N, C-alpha and C. Protein backbone atom coordinates (compact mmCIF):
# COMPACT_ATOMS: atom_id res chain seq x y z
N UNK A 1 39.60 118.84 38.67
CA UNK A 1 39.82 117.41 38.69
C UNK A 1 40.24 116.95 37.29
N UNK A 2 41.20 116.07 37.24
CA UNK A 2 41.71 115.56 35.96
C UNK A 2 40.69 114.63 35.32
N UNK A 3 40.71 114.61 34.00
CA UNK A 3 39.82 113.72 33.26
C UNK A 3 40.29 112.28 33.40
N UNK A 4 39.37 111.37 33.58
CA UNK A 4 39.72 109.95 33.69
C UNK A 4 40.21 109.43 32.34
N UNK A 5 41.04 108.39 32.40
CA UNK A 5 41.64 107.81 31.20
C UNK A 5 41.17 106.37 31.08
N UNK A 6 40.67 106.00 29.91
CA UNK A 6 40.22 104.62 29.69
C UNK A 6 41.40 103.67 29.62
N UNK A 7 41.18 102.45 30.04
CA UNK A 7 42.21 101.42 29.95
C UNK A 7 42.61 101.27 28.48
N UNK A 8 43.91 101.32 28.17
CA UNK A 8 44.34 101.24 26.78
C UNK A 8 44.23 99.84 26.18
N UNK A 9 43.95 98.84 27.02
CA UNK A 9 43.81 97.47 26.51
C UNK A 9 42.35 97.13 26.24
N UNK A 10 41.51 97.19 27.27
CA UNK A 10 40.11 96.78 27.11
C UNK A 10 39.17 97.95 26.85
N UNK A 11 39.54 99.15 27.30
CA UNK A 11 38.70 100.33 27.11
C UNK A 11 37.44 100.33 27.97
N UNK A 12 37.33 99.39 28.90
CA UNK A 12 36.11 99.26 29.69
C UNK A 12 36.19 99.89 31.07
N UNK A 13 37.36 100.04 31.63
CA UNK A 13 37.49 100.67 32.94
C UNK A 13 38.26 101.98 32.78
N UNK A 14 38.27 102.77 33.84
CA UNK A 14 38.93 104.08 33.78
C UNK A 14 39.95 104.21 34.90
N UNK A 15 41.04 104.90 34.59
CA UNK A 15 42.07 105.23 35.57
C UNK A 15 41.93 106.70 35.92
N UNK A 16 42.27 107.05 37.16
CA UNK A 16 42.18 108.45 37.59
C UNK A 16 43.24 109.32 36.92
N UNK A 17 44.38 108.73 36.60
CA UNK A 17 45.48 109.45 35.97
C UNK A 17 46.10 108.59 34.89
N UNK A 18 46.85 109.22 34.01
CA UNK A 18 47.47 108.48 32.91
C UNK A 18 48.61 107.57 33.37
N UNK A 19 49.34 107.97 34.39
CA UNK A 19 50.53 107.21 34.79
C UNK A 19 50.52 106.94 36.29
N UNK A 20 49.51 106.20 36.76
CA UNK A 20 49.42 105.96 38.20
C UNK A 20 49.67 104.50 38.58
N UNK A 21 49.93 103.64 37.62
CA UNK A 21 50.23 102.23 37.85
C UNK A 21 49.10 101.46 38.53
N UNK A 22 47.86 101.96 38.41
CA UNK A 22 46.70 101.20 38.87
C UNK A 22 46.51 100.00 37.95
N UNK A 23 45.81 98.99 38.43
CA UNK A 23 45.56 97.78 37.65
C UNK A 23 44.10 97.73 37.25
N UNK A 24 43.85 97.48 35.98
CA UNK A 24 42.50 97.40 35.45
C UNK A 24 41.79 96.17 36.05
N UNK A 25 40.59 96.35 36.62
CA UNK A 25 39.87 95.22 37.20
C UNK A 25 39.24 94.30 36.15
N UNK A 26 39.24 94.73 34.89
CA UNK A 26 38.64 93.93 33.81
C UNK A 26 39.69 93.04 33.15
N UNK A 27 40.80 93.64 32.69
CA UNK A 27 41.80 92.88 31.93
C UNK A 27 43.13 92.71 32.68
N UNK A 28 43.28 93.38 33.81
CA UNK A 28 44.47 93.29 34.68
C UNK A 28 45.71 93.97 34.11
N UNK A 29 45.54 94.88 33.16
CA UNK A 29 46.65 95.69 32.65
C UNK A 29 47.08 96.67 33.73
N UNK A 30 48.38 96.80 33.97
CA UNK A 30 48.89 97.80 34.90
C UNK A 30 49.15 99.08 34.11
N UNK A 31 48.52 100.15 34.51
CA UNK A 31 48.59 101.43 33.81
C UNK A 31 50.02 101.96 33.83
N UNK A 32 50.65 102.06 32.67
CA UNK A 32 52.05 102.45 32.55
C UNK A 32 52.21 103.42 31.38
N UNK A 33 52.49 104.68 31.69
CA UNK A 33 52.63 105.70 30.65
C UNK A 33 53.75 105.37 29.67
N UNK A 34 54.84 104.76 30.14
CA UNK A 34 55.94 104.39 29.24
C UNK A 34 55.43 103.46 28.14
N UNK A 35 54.62 102.49 28.52
CA UNK A 35 54.12 101.54 27.54
C UNK A 35 53.08 102.17 26.61
N UNK A 36 52.39 103.18 27.06
CA UNK A 36 51.46 103.90 26.18
C UNK A 36 52.26 104.65 25.12
N UNK A 37 53.38 105.24 25.52
CA UNK A 37 54.23 105.97 24.58
C UNK A 37 55.07 105.05 23.71
N UNK A 38 55.32 103.83 24.18
CA UNK A 38 56.14 102.84 23.45
C UNK A 38 55.36 101.51 23.42
N UNK A 39 54.32 101.40 22.60
CA UNK A 39 53.40 100.26 22.65
C UNK A 39 53.99 98.91 22.26
N UNK A 40 55.21 98.87 21.74
CA UNK A 40 55.84 97.60 21.40
C UNK A 40 56.88 97.17 22.43
N UNK A 41 56.99 97.90 23.52
CA UNK A 41 57.97 97.60 24.58
C UNK A 41 57.25 97.08 25.82
N UNK A 42 57.95 96.25 26.60
CA UNK A 42 57.41 95.85 27.90
C UNK A 42 57.83 96.90 28.92
N UNK A 43 57.24 96.84 30.08
CA UNK A 43 57.54 97.80 31.14
C UNK A 43 57.01 97.24 32.43
N UNK A 44 56.02 97.91 33.02
CA UNK A 44 55.39 97.40 34.23
C UNK A 44 54.67 96.07 33.95
N UNK A 45 54.29 95.87 32.70
CA UNK A 45 53.64 94.63 32.26
C UNK A 45 54.64 93.82 31.44
N UNK A 46 54.57 92.50 31.55
CA UNK A 46 55.48 91.66 30.76
C UNK A 46 55.19 91.79 29.27
N UNK A 47 53.92 91.88 28.91
CA UNK A 47 53.54 92.05 27.51
C UNK A 47 53.66 93.51 27.12
N UNK A 48 53.91 93.74 25.84
CA UNK A 48 53.81 95.11 25.34
C UNK A 48 52.33 95.47 25.26
N UNK A 49 52.03 96.73 25.09
CA UNK A 49 50.64 97.17 24.96
C UNK A 49 49.99 96.52 23.74
N UNK A 50 50.70 96.46 22.63
CA UNK A 50 50.13 95.84 21.43
C UNK A 50 49.89 94.35 21.61
N UNK A 51 50.80 93.66 22.30
CA UNK A 51 50.60 92.24 22.60
C UNK A 51 49.40 92.03 23.52
N UNK A 52 49.26 92.90 24.51
CA UNK A 52 48.15 92.80 25.45
C UNK A 52 46.81 93.04 24.76
N UNK A 53 46.76 94.01 23.87
CA UNK A 53 45.52 94.26 23.12
C UNK A 53 45.13 93.05 22.29
N UNK A 54 46.11 92.45 21.62
CA UNK A 54 45.85 91.26 20.79
C UNK A 54 45.40 90.10 21.66
N UNK A 55 46.05 89.91 22.80
CA UNK A 55 45.67 88.82 23.71
C UNK A 55 44.24 89.03 24.23
N UNK A 56 43.91 90.25 24.62
CA UNK A 56 42.58 90.54 25.15
C UNK A 56 41.52 90.27 24.08
N UNK A 57 41.76 90.73 22.85
CA UNK A 57 40.81 90.49 21.76
C UNK A 57 40.62 89.01 21.49
N UNK A 58 41.67 88.22 21.69
CA UNK A 58 41.62 86.77 21.45
C UNK A 58 41.08 86.00 22.66
N UNK A 59 40.75 86.71 23.73
CA UNK A 59 40.22 86.07 24.93
C UNK A 59 41.29 85.43 25.80
N UNK A 60 42.54 85.82 25.58
CA UNK A 60 43.65 85.27 26.36
C UNK A 60 43.99 86.20 27.53
N UNK A 61 44.76 85.68 28.46
CA UNK A 61 45.15 86.42 29.66
C UNK A 61 46.18 87.50 29.33
N UNK A 62 45.97 88.68 29.87
CA UNK A 62 46.92 89.79 29.73
C UNK A 62 47.92 89.67 30.87
N UNK A 63 49.23 89.67 30.52
CA UNK A 63 50.28 89.50 31.54
C UNK A 63 51.13 90.74 31.65
């Protein structure tokens, strides 16, 4: 069985795979391997990974 992967935004939930496009039930980030490899680009999520991390830390909605 593959090791679970923590949400790259909130770190509180886990995904079964790195690139399965599941949505985090805590911060609503859609798991996207492209955005993990390119954290300043948008992809499945409108925000980049770095923008989403900053928004989550500030208590704002992740889009």
